[in-house]
N, C-alpha and C. Protein backbone atom coordinates (compact mmCIF):
# COMPACT_ATOMS: atom_id res chain seq x y z
N MET A 1 -14.41 -52.88 -6.40
CA MET A 1 -14.25 -52.09 -5.17
C MET A 1 -15.63 -51.79 -4.57
N LEU A 2 -15.76 -52.02 -3.29
CA LEU A 2 -17.03 -51.77 -2.62
C LEU A 2 -17.23 -50.28 -2.37
N PRO A 3 -18.44 -49.77 -2.64
CA PRO A 3 -18.74 -48.41 -2.16
C PRO A 3 -18.81 -48.44 -0.63
N ARG A 4 -18.64 -47.29 -0.01
CA ARG A 4 -18.56 -47.24 1.45
C ARG A 4 -19.89 -47.57 2.14
N LEU A 5 -21.00 -47.25 1.47
CA LEU A 5 -22.32 -47.48 2.08
C LEU A 5 -23.07 -48.58 1.33
N TYR A 6 -23.51 -49.59 2.07
CA TYR A 6 -24.23 -50.74 1.53
C TYR A 6 -25.61 -50.71 2.20
N ALA A 7 -26.61 -50.29 1.45
CA ALA A 7 -27.95 -50.14 2.02
C ALA A 7 -28.73 -51.44 1.93
N ILE A 8 -29.33 -51.83 3.04
CA ILE A 8 -30.15 -53.05 3.05
C ILE A 8 -31.61 -52.65 3.12
N ILE A 9 -32.36 -53.12 2.13
CA ILE A 9 -33.80 -52.87 2.05
C ILE A 9 -34.50 -54.12 2.57
N ASP A 10 -35.01 -54.05 3.79
CA ASP A 10 -35.65 -55.20 4.44
C ASP A 10 -37.16 -55.04 4.33
N ALA A 11 -37.78 -55.96 3.61
CA ALA A 11 -39.23 -55.86 3.36
C ALA A 11 -40.04 -55.82 4.65
N ALA A 12 -39.50 -56.36 5.74
CA ALA A 12 -40.22 -56.39 7.01
C ALA A 12 -40.49 -54.99 7.56
N PHE A 13 -39.75 -54.00 7.08
CA PHE A 13 -39.88 -52.63 7.59
C PHE A 13 -40.96 -51.83 6.87
N PHE A 14 -41.58 -52.42 5.83
CA PHE A 14 -42.49 -51.64 4.99
C PHE A 14 -43.86 -52.29 4.91
N PRO A 15 -44.92 -51.47 4.92
CA PRO A 15 -46.28 -52.03 4.88
C PRO A 15 -46.64 -52.60 3.52
N ASP A 16 -46.00 -52.11 2.46
CA ASP A 16 -46.36 -52.59 1.12
C ASP A 16 -45.23 -52.26 0.14
N THR A 17 -45.39 -52.73 -1.09
CA THR A 17 -44.36 -52.54 -2.11
C THR A 17 -44.14 -51.06 -2.45
N PRO A 18 -45.19 -50.24 -2.62
CA PRO A 18 -44.93 -48.83 -2.92
C PRO A 18 -44.07 -48.13 -1.86
N ALA A 19 -44.28 -48.45 -0.59
CA ALA A 19 -43.47 -47.84 0.47
C ALA A 19 -42.01 -48.29 0.36
N LEU A 20 -41.81 -49.56 0.07
CA LEU A 20 -40.46 -50.10 -0.10
C LEU A 20 -39.76 -49.42 -1.27
N LEU A 21 -40.48 -49.28 -2.38
CA LEU A 21 -39.88 -48.67 -3.57
C LEU A 21 -39.59 -47.18 -3.36
N ALA A 22 -40.47 -46.51 -2.63
CA ALA A 22 -40.25 -45.08 -2.34
C ALA A 22 -38.97 -44.90 -1.51
N PHE A 23 -38.79 -45.76 -0.52
CA PHE A 23 -37.59 -45.74 0.32
C PHE A 23 -36.34 -45.95 -0.53
N ALA A 24 -36.38 -46.98 -1.38
CA ALA A 24 -35.23 -47.28 -2.24
C ALA A 24 -34.91 -46.11 -3.16
N GLY A 25 -35.96 -45.48 -3.71
CA GLY A 25 -35.76 -44.34 -4.60
C GLY A 25 -35.10 -43.16 -3.90
N GLU A 26 -35.46 -42.93 -2.65
CA GLU A 26 -34.83 -41.86 -1.88
C GLU A 26 -33.34 -42.12 -1.67
N LEU A 27 -33.00 -43.37 -1.38
CA LEU A 27 -31.59 -43.72 -1.19
C LEU A 27 -30.80 -43.56 -2.48
N ARG A 28 -31.41 -43.99 -3.58
CA ARG A 28 -30.72 -43.87 -4.87
C ARG A 28 -30.50 -42.40 -5.21
N ALA A 29 -31.50 -41.57 -4.93
CA ALA A 29 -31.38 -40.14 -5.20
C ALA A 29 -30.26 -39.50 -4.37
N ALA A 30 -30.00 -40.07 -3.20
CA ALA A 30 -28.93 -39.57 -2.34
C ALA A 30 -27.54 -39.98 -2.84
N GLY A 31 -27.51 -40.95 -3.76
CA GLY A 31 -26.22 -41.39 -4.29
C GLY A 31 -25.80 -42.79 -3.89
N VAL A 32 -26.69 -43.55 -3.25
CA VAL A 32 -26.37 -44.93 -2.86
C VAL A 32 -26.28 -45.79 -4.13
N THR A 33 -25.25 -46.62 -4.22
CA THR A 33 -25.02 -47.43 -5.43
C THR A 33 -25.00 -48.93 -5.17
N LEU A 34 -25.09 -49.35 -3.90
CA LEU A 34 -25.09 -50.78 -3.57
C LEU A 34 -26.23 -51.07 -2.61
N PHE A 35 -27.09 -52.00 -3.02
CA PHE A 35 -28.28 -52.35 -2.24
C PHE A 35 -28.39 -53.86 -2.07
N GLN A 36 -28.92 -54.26 -0.92
CA GLN A 36 -29.32 -55.67 -0.74
C GLN A 36 -30.82 -55.69 -0.46
N TYR A 37 -31.50 -56.58 -1.15
CA TYR A 37 -32.94 -56.78 -0.91
C TYR A 37 -33.09 -58.01 -0.03
N ARG A 38 -33.72 -57.80 1.12
CA ARG A 38 -33.91 -58.89 2.09
C ARG A 38 -35.41 -59.05 2.36
N ASN A 39 -35.88 -60.28 2.25
CA ASN A 39 -37.29 -60.56 2.56
C ASN A 39 -37.35 -61.96 3.15
N LYS A 40 -37.39 -62.03 4.47
CA LYS A 40 -37.34 -63.33 5.16
C LYS A 40 -38.72 -63.98 5.27
N ALA A 41 -39.78 -63.19 5.04
CA ALA A 41 -41.13 -63.71 5.29
C ALA A 41 -41.96 -63.91 4.03
N GLY A 42 -41.56 -63.28 2.94
CA GLY A 42 -42.39 -63.33 1.73
C GLY A 42 -42.27 -64.65 0.99
N ASN A 43 -43.25 -64.91 0.14
CA ASN A 43 -43.14 -66.08 -0.73
C ASN A 43 -42.34 -65.70 -1.97
N ALA A 44 -41.94 -66.70 -2.73
CA ALA A 44 -41.04 -66.47 -3.87
C ALA A 44 -41.66 -65.53 -4.90
N ARG A 45 -42.96 -65.65 -5.12
CA ARG A 45 -43.62 -64.80 -6.12
C ARG A 45 -43.56 -63.33 -5.71
N GLN A 46 -43.88 -63.08 -4.43
CA GLN A 46 -43.83 -61.69 -3.93
C GLN A 46 -42.41 -61.15 -3.98
N MET A 47 -41.45 -61.96 -3.57
CA MET A 47 -40.06 -61.53 -3.57
C MET A 47 -39.58 -61.20 -4.98
N LEU A 48 -39.93 -62.04 -5.93
CA LEU A 48 -39.51 -61.81 -7.31
C LEU A 48 -40.16 -60.55 -7.87
N SER A 49 -41.43 -60.33 -7.54
CA SER A 49 -42.12 -59.14 -8.01
C SER A 49 -41.46 -57.87 -7.46
N GLN A 50 -41.19 -57.86 -6.14
CA GLN A 50 -40.54 -56.69 -5.54
C GLN A 50 -39.14 -56.50 -6.11
N ALA A 51 -38.42 -57.60 -6.27
CA ALA A 51 -37.05 -57.52 -6.78
C ALA A 51 -37.02 -56.94 -8.19
N ARG A 52 -37.95 -57.36 -9.02
CA ARG A 52 -37.98 -56.83 -10.39
C ARG A 52 -38.33 -55.35 -10.42
N GLU A 53 -39.22 -54.94 -9.50
CA GLU A 53 -39.55 -53.52 -9.39
C GLU A 53 -38.32 -52.71 -8.96
N LEU A 54 -37.57 -53.26 -8.00
CA LEU A 54 -36.34 -52.59 -7.55
C LEU A 54 -35.34 -52.50 -8.70
N ARG A 55 -35.22 -53.57 -9.47
CA ARG A 55 -34.28 -53.57 -10.60
C ARG A 55 -34.64 -52.47 -11.60
N ARG A 56 -35.93 -52.31 -11.85
CA ARG A 56 -36.38 -51.28 -12.78
C ARG A 56 -36.09 -49.88 -12.24
N GLN A 57 -36.31 -49.72 -10.94
CA GLN A 57 -36.21 -48.38 -10.34
C GLN A 57 -34.78 -47.93 -10.11
N LEU A 58 -33.92 -48.86 -9.71
CA LEU A 58 -32.58 -48.48 -9.25
C LEU A 58 -31.55 -48.62 -10.37
N GLN A 59 -31.78 -47.87 -11.43
CA GLN A 59 -30.88 -47.92 -12.57
C GLN A 59 -29.47 -47.49 -12.16
N GLY A 60 -28.49 -48.23 -12.65
CA GLY A 60 -27.10 -47.86 -12.38
C GLY A 60 -26.56 -48.33 -11.04
N ALA A 61 -27.41 -48.94 -10.21
CA ALA A 61 -26.96 -49.45 -8.91
C ALA A 61 -26.70 -50.95 -8.99
N ARG A 62 -25.90 -51.44 -8.06
CA ARG A 62 -25.65 -52.88 -7.94
C ARG A 62 -26.63 -53.45 -6.91
N LEU A 63 -27.34 -54.52 -7.30
CA LEU A 63 -28.37 -55.09 -6.44
C LEU A 63 -28.02 -56.52 -6.05
N ILE A 64 -28.07 -56.77 -4.75
CA ILE A 64 -27.74 -58.08 -4.19
C ILE A 64 -29.00 -58.69 -3.57
N MET A 65 -29.26 -59.94 -3.87
CA MET A 65 -30.40 -60.67 -3.31
C MET A 65 -29.95 -61.41 -2.05
N ASN A 66 -30.71 -61.28 -0.99
CA ASN A 66 -30.40 -62.02 0.22
C ASN A 66 -30.85 -63.48 0.07
N ASP A 67 -29.97 -64.39 0.32
CA ASP A 67 -30.24 -65.84 0.41
C ASP A 67 -30.49 -66.58 -0.90
N ARG A 68 -31.25 -66.00 -1.81
CA ARG A 68 -31.83 -66.76 -2.91
C ARG A 68 -31.09 -66.54 -4.23
N ALA A 69 -30.19 -67.47 -4.55
CA ALA A 69 -29.45 -67.38 -5.81
C ALA A 69 -30.39 -67.52 -7.01
N ASP A 70 -31.42 -68.34 -6.87
CA ASP A 70 -32.36 -68.54 -7.98
C ASP A 70 -33.12 -67.24 -8.29
N LEU A 71 -33.57 -66.54 -7.26
CA LEU A 71 -34.29 -65.29 -7.47
C LEU A 71 -33.34 -64.18 -7.94
N CYS A 72 -32.10 -64.24 -7.54
CA CYS A 72 -31.10 -63.30 -8.04
C CYS A 72 -31.05 -63.35 -9.56
N LEU A 73 -30.97 -64.55 -10.09
CA LEU A 73 -30.93 -64.72 -11.55
C LEU A 73 -32.24 -64.29 -12.19
N ALA A 74 -33.35 -64.72 -11.61
CA ALA A 74 -34.66 -64.43 -12.20
C ALA A 74 -34.96 -62.93 -12.24
N ALA A 75 -34.46 -62.19 -11.26
CA ALA A 75 -34.74 -60.75 -11.18
C ALA A 75 -33.69 -59.90 -11.89
N GLY A 76 -32.64 -60.55 -12.40
CA GLY A 76 -31.58 -59.80 -13.05
C GLY A 76 -30.72 -59.01 -12.08
N PHE A 77 -30.56 -59.54 -10.86
CA PHE A 77 -29.72 -58.90 -9.86
C PHE A 77 -28.23 -59.15 -10.15
N ASP A 78 -27.38 -58.50 -9.37
CA ASP A 78 -25.94 -58.55 -9.61
C ASP A 78 -25.19 -59.49 -8.69
N GLY A 79 -25.92 -60.13 -7.77
CA GLY A 79 -25.25 -61.04 -6.86
C GLY A 79 -26.18 -61.51 -5.76
N VAL A 80 -25.63 -62.37 -4.90
CA VAL A 80 -26.40 -62.93 -3.80
C VAL A 80 -25.58 -62.82 -2.52
N HIS A 81 -26.27 -62.69 -1.41
CA HIS A 81 -25.60 -62.69 -0.10
C HIS A 81 -26.12 -63.88 0.70
N VAL A 82 -25.21 -64.72 1.16
CA VAL A 82 -25.61 -65.92 1.90
C VAL A 82 -25.14 -65.84 3.35
N GLY A 83 -25.93 -66.47 4.22
CA GLY A 83 -25.58 -66.55 5.63
C GLY A 83 -24.95 -67.89 5.95
N GLN A 84 -24.67 -68.11 7.21
CA GLN A 84 -24.03 -69.36 7.62
C GLN A 84 -24.95 -70.56 7.47
N GLU A 85 -26.27 -70.33 7.49
CA GLU A 85 -27.22 -71.45 7.39
C GLU A 85 -27.80 -71.58 5.98
N ASP A 86 -27.37 -70.73 5.05
CA ASP A 86 -27.92 -70.74 3.70
C ASP A 86 -27.07 -71.60 2.78
N LEU A 87 -27.36 -71.49 1.49
CA LEU A 87 -26.53 -72.09 0.47
C LEU A 87 -25.08 -71.68 0.70
N SER A 88 -24.13 -72.59 0.48
CA SER A 88 -22.72 -72.27 0.67
C SER A 88 -22.26 -71.28 -0.41
N VAL A 89 -21.13 -70.64 -0.15
CA VAL A 89 -20.56 -69.72 -1.14
C VAL A 89 -20.34 -70.45 -2.47
N GLU A 90 -19.74 -71.63 -2.40
CA GLU A 90 -19.44 -72.34 -3.65
C GLU A 90 -20.71 -72.86 -4.31
N GLY A 91 -21.72 -73.20 -3.50
CA GLY A 91 -23.01 -73.59 -4.05
C GLY A 91 -23.64 -72.43 -4.81
N ALA A 92 -23.58 -71.23 -4.21
CA ALA A 92 -24.10 -70.04 -4.87
C ALA A 92 -23.30 -69.74 -6.13
N ARG A 93 -22.00 -69.92 -6.05
CA ARG A 93 -21.13 -69.65 -7.20
C ARG A 93 -21.49 -70.57 -8.38
N ARG A 94 -21.82 -71.81 -8.08
CA ARG A 94 -22.20 -72.74 -9.15
C ARG A 94 -23.48 -72.29 -9.84
N VAL A 95 -24.40 -71.71 -9.08
CA VAL A 95 -25.66 -71.22 -9.65
C VAL A 95 -25.42 -69.94 -10.46
N LEU A 96 -24.61 -69.04 -9.92
CA LEU A 96 -24.49 -67.70 -10.50
C LEU A 96 -23.37 -67.55 -11.53
N GLY A 97 -22.39 -68.44 -11.48
CA GLY A 97 -21.24 -68.29 -12.37
C GLY A 97 -20.22 -67.32 -11.80
N ALA A 98 -19.21 -67.03 -12.62
CA ALA A 98 -18.07 -66.26 -12.13
C ALA A 98 -18.32 -64.75 -12.11
N GLN A 99 -19.27 -64.26 -12.92
CA GLN A 99 -19.40 -62.81 -13.09
C GLN A 99 -20.18 -62.12 -11.97
N LEU A 100 -21.18 -62.80 -11.40
CA LEU A 100 -22.01 -62.17 -10.37
C LEU A 100 -21.34 -62.28 -9.00
N TRP A 101 -21.71 -61.36 -8.13
CA TRP A 101 -21.10 -61.33 -6.79
C TRP A 101 -21.72 -62.37 -5.86
N VAL A 102 -20.89 -62.89 -4.98
CA VAL A 102 -21.36 -63.70 -3.85
C VAL A 102 -20.74 -63.11 -2.59
N GLY A 103 -21.59 -62.72 -1.64
CA GLY A 103 -21.12 -62.24 -0.34
C GLY A 103 -21.55 -63.21 0.73
N VAL A 104 -20.85 -63.21 1.86
CA VAL A 104 -21.15 -64.17 2.92
C VAL A 104 -21.07 -63.50 4.30
N SER A 105 -22.02 -63.82 5.17
CA SER A 105 -22.02 -63.31 6.54
C SER A 105 -21.13 -64.16 7.43
N THR A 106 -20.42 -63.50 8.33
CA THR A 106 -19.62 -64.19 9.34
C THR A 106 -19.82 -63.50 10.68
N HIS A 107 -19.66 -64.28 11.76
CA HIS A 107 -19.91 -63.75 13.10
C HIS A 107 -18.77 -64.00 14.09
N VAL A 108 -17.90 -64.95 13.75
CA VAL A 108 -16.77 -65.29 14.63
C VAL A 108 -15.53 -65.45 13.75
N PRO A 109 -14.32 -65.34 14.34
CA PRO A 109 -13.10 -65.41 13.55
C PRO A 109 -12.98 -66.67 12.69
N GLU A 110 -13.43 -67.81 13.21
CA GLU A 110 -13.31 -69.06 12.44
C GLU A 110 -14.10 -68.97 11.13
N GLN A 111 -15.27 -68.32 11.19
CA GLN A 111 -16.08 -68.17 9.98
C GLN A 111 -15.42 -67.21 9.00
N VAL A 112 -14.75 -66.17 9.51
CA VAL A 112 -14.04 -65.24 8.63
C VAL A 112 -12.91 -65.97 7.91
N GLU A 113 -12.18 -66.79 8.65
CA GLU A 113 -11.08 -67.57 8.04
C GLU A 113 -11.61 -68.50 6.96
N SER A 114 -12.72 -69.16 7.25
CA SER A 114 -13.32 -70.08 6.26
C SER A 114 -13.77 -69.31 5.02
N ALA A 115 -14.41 -68.16 5.24
CA ALA A 115 -14.90 -67.36 4.12
C ALA A 115 -13.75 -66.84 3.26
N ALA A 116 -12.62 -66.54 3.91
CA ALA A 116 -11.45 -66.03 3.19
C ALA A 116 -10.92 -67.04 2.18
N ALA A 117 -11.18 -68.31 2.45
CA ALA A 117 -10.68 -69.38 1.58
C ALA A 117 -11.64 -69.73 0.44
N THR A 118 -12.79 -69.06 0.39
CA THR A 118 -13.79 -69.34 -0.65
C THR A 118 -13.65 -68.36 -1.81
N SER A 119 -14.54 -68.47 -2.77
CA SER A 119 -14.55 -67.54 -3.91
C SER A 119 -15.44 -66.33 -3.65
N ALA A 120 -15.83 -66.11 -2.39
CA ALA A 120 -16.68 -64.96 -2.06
C ALA A 120 -16.04 -63.65 -2.52
N ASP A 121 -16.87 -62.74 -3.01
CA ASP A 121 -16.37 -61.44 -3.46
C ASP A 121 -16.18 -60.47 -2.30
N TYR A 122 -16.95 -60.66 -1.25
CA TYR A 122 -16.76 -59.87 -0.04
C TYR A 122 -17.21 -60.68 1.16
N VAL A 123 -16.70 -60.30 2.34
CA VAL A 123 -17.06 -60.95 3.60
C VAL A 123 -17.73 -59.91 4.49
N ALA A 124 -18.91 -60.25 5.02
CA ALA A 124 -19.60 -59.37 5.97
C ALA A 124 -19.29 -59.85 7.38
N VAL A 125 -19.01 -58.93 8.28
CA VAL A 125 -18.72 -59.27 9.68
C VAL A 125 -19.68 -58.51 10.59
N GLY A 126 -20.11 -59.19 11.65
CA GLY A 126 -21.01 -58.51 12.59
C GLY A 126 -21.85 -59.51 13.39
N PRO A 127 -22.77 -59.00 14.18
CA PRO A 127 -23.06 -57.57 14.33
C PRO A 127 -21.95 -56.84 15.09
N VAL A 128 -21.60 -55.65 14.60
CA VAL A 128 -20.56 -54.87 15.27
C VAL A 128 -21.09 -54.35 16.60
N PHE A 129 -22.27 -53.77 16.56
CA PHE A 129 -22.93 -53.26 17.75
C PHE A 129 -24.28 -53.97 17.91
N PRO A 130 -24.87 -53.90 19.10
CA PRO A 130 -26.20 -54.51 19.27
C PRO A 130 -27.17 -53.96 18.22
N THR A 131 -27.99 -54.83 17.65
CA THR A 131 -28.88 -54.44 16.56
C THR A 131 -30.32 -54.81 16.88
N SER A 132 -31.24 -53.99 16.35
CA SER A 132 -32.66 -54.25 16.58
C SER A 132 -33.35 -54.83 15.34
N SER A 133 -32.59 -54.98 14.25
CA SER A 133 -33.25 -55.37 13.00
C SER A 133 -33.25 -56.88 12.77
N LYS A 134 -32.72 -57.65 13.71
CA LYS A 134 -32.79 -59.11 13.60
C LYS A 134 -33.46 -59.68 14.84
N ALA A 135 -34.24 -60.73 14.63
CA ALA A 135 -34.99 -61.32 15.74
C ALA A 135 -34.06 -61.98 16.76
N ASN A 136 -33.09 -62.75 16.27
CA ASN A 136 -32.16 -63.46 17.17
C ASN A 136 -30.72 -63.17 16.75
N PRO A 137 -30.25 -61.95 17.03
CA PRO A 137 -28.91 -61.58 16.56
C PRO A 137 -27.80 -62.34 17.27
N ASP A 138 -26.70 -62.50 16.57
CA ASP A 138 -25.49 -63.05 17.19
C ASP A 138 -24.92 -62.01 18.14
N PRO A 139 -24.04 -62.42 19.08
CA PRO A 139 -23.44 -61.45 20.00
C PRO A 139 -22.64 -60.39 19.25
N ALA A 140 -22.70 -59.15 19.72
CA ALA A 140 -21.96 -58.08 19.08
C ALA A 140 -20.45 -58.32 19.20
N ILE A 141 -19.73 -58.03 18.11
CA ILE A 141 -18.27 -58.28 18.10
C ILE A 141 -17.48 -57.03 18.44
N GLY A 142 -18.12 -55.86 18.38
CA GLY A 142 -17.43 -54.62 18.71
C GLY A 142 -16.40 -54.23 17.66
N LEU A 143 -15.79 -53.08 17.85
CA LEU A 143 -14.75 -52.61 16.92
C LEU A 143 -13.54 -53.54 16.93
N GLN A 144 -13.26 -54.13 18.08
CA GLN A 144 -12.13 -55.07 18.15
C GLN A 144 -12.39 -56.29 17.27
N GLY A 145 -13.65 -56.71 17.21
CA GLY A 145 -13.99 -57.83 16.33
C GLY A 145 -13.76 -57.51 14.87
N VAL A 146 -14.01 -56.26 14.50
CA VAL A 146 -13.73 -55.81 13.12
C VAL A 146 -12.23 -55.85 12.86
N ARG A 147 -11.44 -55.39 13.84
CA ARG A 147 -9.98 -55.41 13.68
C ARG A 147 -9.45 -56.84 13.52
N VAL A 148 -9.98 -57.74 14.33
CA VAL A 148 -9.57 -59.16 14.25
C VAL A 148 -9.90 -59.72 12.87
N ALA A 149 -11.13 -59.45 12.41
CA ALA A 149 -11.55 -59.95 11.10
C ALA A 149 -10.67 -59.40 9.98
N ARG A 150 -10.30 -58.11 10.10
CA ARG A 150 -9.46 -57.48 9.06
C ARG A 150 -8.14 -58.21 8.91
N ASN A 151 -7.61 -58.71 10.01
CA ASN A 151 -6.33 -59.44 9.97
C ASN A 151 -6.47 -60.85 9.42
N LEU A 152 -7.70 -61.33 9.25
CA LEU A 152 -7.91 -62.71 8.82
C LEU A 152 -8.28 -62.82 7.34
N THR A 153 -8.56 -61.70 6.69
CA THR A 153 -8.92 -61.78 5.28
C THR A 153 -8.46 -60.54 4.52
N SER A 154 -8.06 -60.76 3.29
CA SER A 154 -7.70 -59.64 2.41
C SER A 154 -8.87 -59.28 1.49
N LYS A 155 -9.97 -60.04 1.60
CA LYS A 155 -11.15 -59.74 0.78
C LYS A 155 -11.80 -58.44 1.24
N PRO A 156 -12.53 -57.78 0.35
CA PRO A 156 -13.32 -56.62 0.79
C PRO A 156 -14.23 -57.00 1.95
N MET A 157 -14.33 -56.14 2.95
CA MET A 157 -15.04 -56.49 4.17
C MET A 157 -16.12 -55.46 4.48
N VAL A 158 -17.33 -55.98 4.69
CA VAL A 158 -18.49 -55.15 5.04
C VAL A 158 -18.82 -55.38 6.50
N ALA A 159 -18.94 -54.30 7.26
CA ALA A 159 -19.36 -54.42 8.66
C ALA A 159 -20.85 -54.14 8.75
N ILE A 160 -21.55 -54.88 9.58
CA ILE A 160 -23.00 -54.72 9.73
C ILE A 160 -23.39 -54.86 11.19
N GLY A 161 -24.50 -54.21 11.55
CA GLY A 161 -25.06 -54.40 12.89
C GLY A 161 -24.94 -53.16 13.75
N GLY A 162 -26.04 -52.44 13.91
CA GLY A 162 -26.06 -51.30 14.81
C GLY A 162 -25.23 -50.11 14.36
N ILE A 163 -24.93 -50.04 13.07
CA ILE A 163 -24.07 -48.96 12.58
C ILE A 163 -24.93 -47.72 12.30
N THR A 164 -24.46 -46.59 12.82
CA THR A 164 -25.17 -45.32 12.72
C THR A 164 -24.27 -44.26 12.08
N ARG A 165 -24.87 -43.11 11.79
CA ARG A 165 -24.08 -42.00 11.27
C ARG A 165 -23.02 -41.57 12.28
N GLU A 166 -23.30 -41.77 13.56
CA GLU A 166 -22.36 -41.34 14.60
C GLU A 166 -21.15 -42.28 14.72
N ASN A 167 -21.34 -43.57 14.48
CA ASN A 167 -20.22 -44.51 14.71
C ASN A 167 -19.61 -45.08 13.42
N CYS A 168 -20.16 -44.71 12.26
CA CYS A 168 -19.71 -45.37 11.02
C CYS A 168 -18.24 -45.12 10.71
N ARG A 169 -17.76 -43.93 11.04
CA ARG A 169 -16.36 -43.60 10.74
C ARG A 169 -15.41 -44.50 11.54
N GLN A 170 -15.77 -44.75 12.81
CA GLN A 170 -14.94 -45.64 13.65
C GLN A 170 -14.85 -47.04 13.07
N VAL A 171 -15.95 -47.48 12.46
CA VAL A 171 -15.99 -48.82 11.89
C VAL A 171 -15.03 -48.93 10.70
N LEU A 172 -15.00 -47.90 9.87
CA LEU A 172 -14.03 -47.89 8.77
C LEU A 172 -12.61 -47.86 9.30
N GLU A 173 -12.40 -47.05 10.33
CA GLU A 173 -11.05 -46.94 10.90
C GLU A 173 -10.59 -48.25 11.53
N ALA A 174 -11.54 -49.09 11.95
CA ALA A 174 -11.19 -50.40 12.52
C ALA A 174 -10.85 -51.43 11.42
N GLY A 175 -11.11 -51.07 10.16
CA GLY A 175 -10.68 -51.96 9.08
C GLY A 175 -11.73 -52.35 8.06
N ALA A 176 -12.98 -51.94 8.27
CA ALA A 176 -14.02 -52.29 7.29
C ALA A 176 -13.86 -51.44 6.03
N ASP A 177 -14.21 -52.02 4.89
CA ASP A 177 -14.20 -51.27 3.64
C ASP A 177 -15.54 -50.58 3.40
N ALA A 178 -16.59 -51.15 3.98
CA ALA A 178 -17.94 -50.62 3.79
C ALA A 178 -18.77 -50.91 5.03
N VAL A 179 -19.87 -50.15 5.18
CA VAL A 179 -20.80 -50.42 6.28
C VAL A 179 -22.17 -50.72 5.68
N ALA A 180 -22.81 -51.75 6.19
CA ALA A 180 -24.17 -52.11 5.78
C ALA A 180 -25.13 -51.55 6.83
N VAL A 181 -26.18 -50.90 6.35
CA VAL A 181 -27.08 -50.19 7.27
C VAL A 181 -28.53 -50.49 6.91
N ILE A 182 -29.34 -50.73 7.94
CA ILE A 182 -30.79 -50.89 7.76
C ILE A 182 -31.50 -49.79 8.54
N SER A 183 -31.55 -49.95 9.86
CA SER A 183 -32.39 -49.10 10.71
C SER A 183 -32.05 -47.62 10.62
N ASN A 184 -30.76 -47.28 10.55
CA ASN A 184 -30.38 -45.88 10.63
C ASN A 184 -30.63 -45.11 9.33
N LEU A 185 -31.17 -45.80 8.32
CA LEU A 185 -31.58 -45.12 7.09
C LEU A 185 -33.08 -44.84 7.08
N MET A 186 -33.81 -45.41 8.01
CA MET A 186 -35.26 -45.25 8.05
C MET A 186 -35.62 -43.84 8.52
N GLY A 187 -36.87 -43.47 8.31
CA GLY A 187 -37.34 -42.16 8.77
C GLY A 187 -37.12 -41.09 7.73
N THR A 188 -35.86 -40.69 7.56
CA THR A 188 -35.51 -39.68 6.55
C THR A 188 -34.44 -40.27 5.65
N PRO A 189 -34.80 -41.20 4.76
CA PRO A 189 -33.79 -41.97 4.04
C PRO A 189 -32.81 -41.15 3.21
N ARG A 190 -33.33 -40.18 2.47
CA ARG A 190 -32.40 -39.42 1.61
C ARG A 190 -31.42 -38.60 2.44
N LYS A 191 -31.95 -37.90 3.43
CA LYS A 191 -31.09 -37.09 4.30
C LYS A 191 -30.09 -37.96 5.06
N SER A 192 -30.57 -39.11 5.56
CA SER A 192 -29.70 -40.02 6.32
C SER A 192 -28.59 -40.56 5.43
N ALA A 193 -28.96 -40.99 4.22
CA ALA A 193 -27.96 -41.55 3.30
C ALA A 193 -26.93 -40.50 2.91
N GLU A 194 -27.39 -39.29 2.66
CA GLU A 194 -26.45 -38.22 2.30
C GLU A 194 -25.47 -37.96 3.44
N GLU A 195 -25.96 -38.02 4.68
CA GLU A 195 -25.09 -37.80 5.82
C GLU A 195 -24.10 -38.96 5.98
N PHE A 196 -24.57 -40.19 5.79
CA PHE A 196 -23.65 -41.34 5.82
C PHE A 196 -22.55 -41.16 4.78
N LEU A 197 -22.94 -40.85 3.55
CA LEU A 197 -21.96 -40.74 2.46
C LEU A 197 -20.95 -39.62 2.76
N ARG A 198 -21.43 -38.54 3.36
CA ARG A 198 -20.53 -37.44 3.72
C ARG A 198 -19.52 -37.88 4.80
N ARG A 199 -20.04 -38.58 5.79
CA ARG A 199 -19.16 -38.99 6.90
C ARG A 199 -18.20 -40.12 6.51
N LEU A 200 -18.66 -40.97 5.60
CA LEU A 200 -17.81 -42.09 5.18
C LEU A 200 -16.72 -41.65 4.21
N GLY A 201 -16.91 -40.51 3.61
CA GLY A 201 -15.87 -39.93 2.74
C GLY A 201 -15.83 -40.50 1.36
């Protein structure tokens, strides 16, 4: 079962590893139990080093590696999240085996339908709202897009993209099981996460 809040730690938002780890620690202290580590610009050595630090710090939490099934295994993470241009769900499954999680991003109904037929443990849909955390985001699908996706898969569904403390409840009501958040946790991470968890119920 997915926890309601899925925190994404994007290395691009932090000047260095200590800042990234401090942010993650604040979220964990607030009660966050599911994290994704995303680093689109780092080299494999840097990514593995940060990932291992996160693994050490975030005891008791589930950690998902963005894109890299190999680094997921090397860092002792609990799963991998793949996009439409990354390793396929079944390719990731072959690397990770049956026990670790594989999640997949989708942006249009056809991709949700395809993901529903795979061994993915959860399907991410979005961006729900316009987002500032991606350089070239896909068009926003809105709450109606979440409702459409909900009707296309029985898998656990994570909504992502522009989700804030103010709109997160609507996203769950539209059919998402969890919300993935990057930007709206920045600034005051512990306070923000506590407020998300309170509003998500």
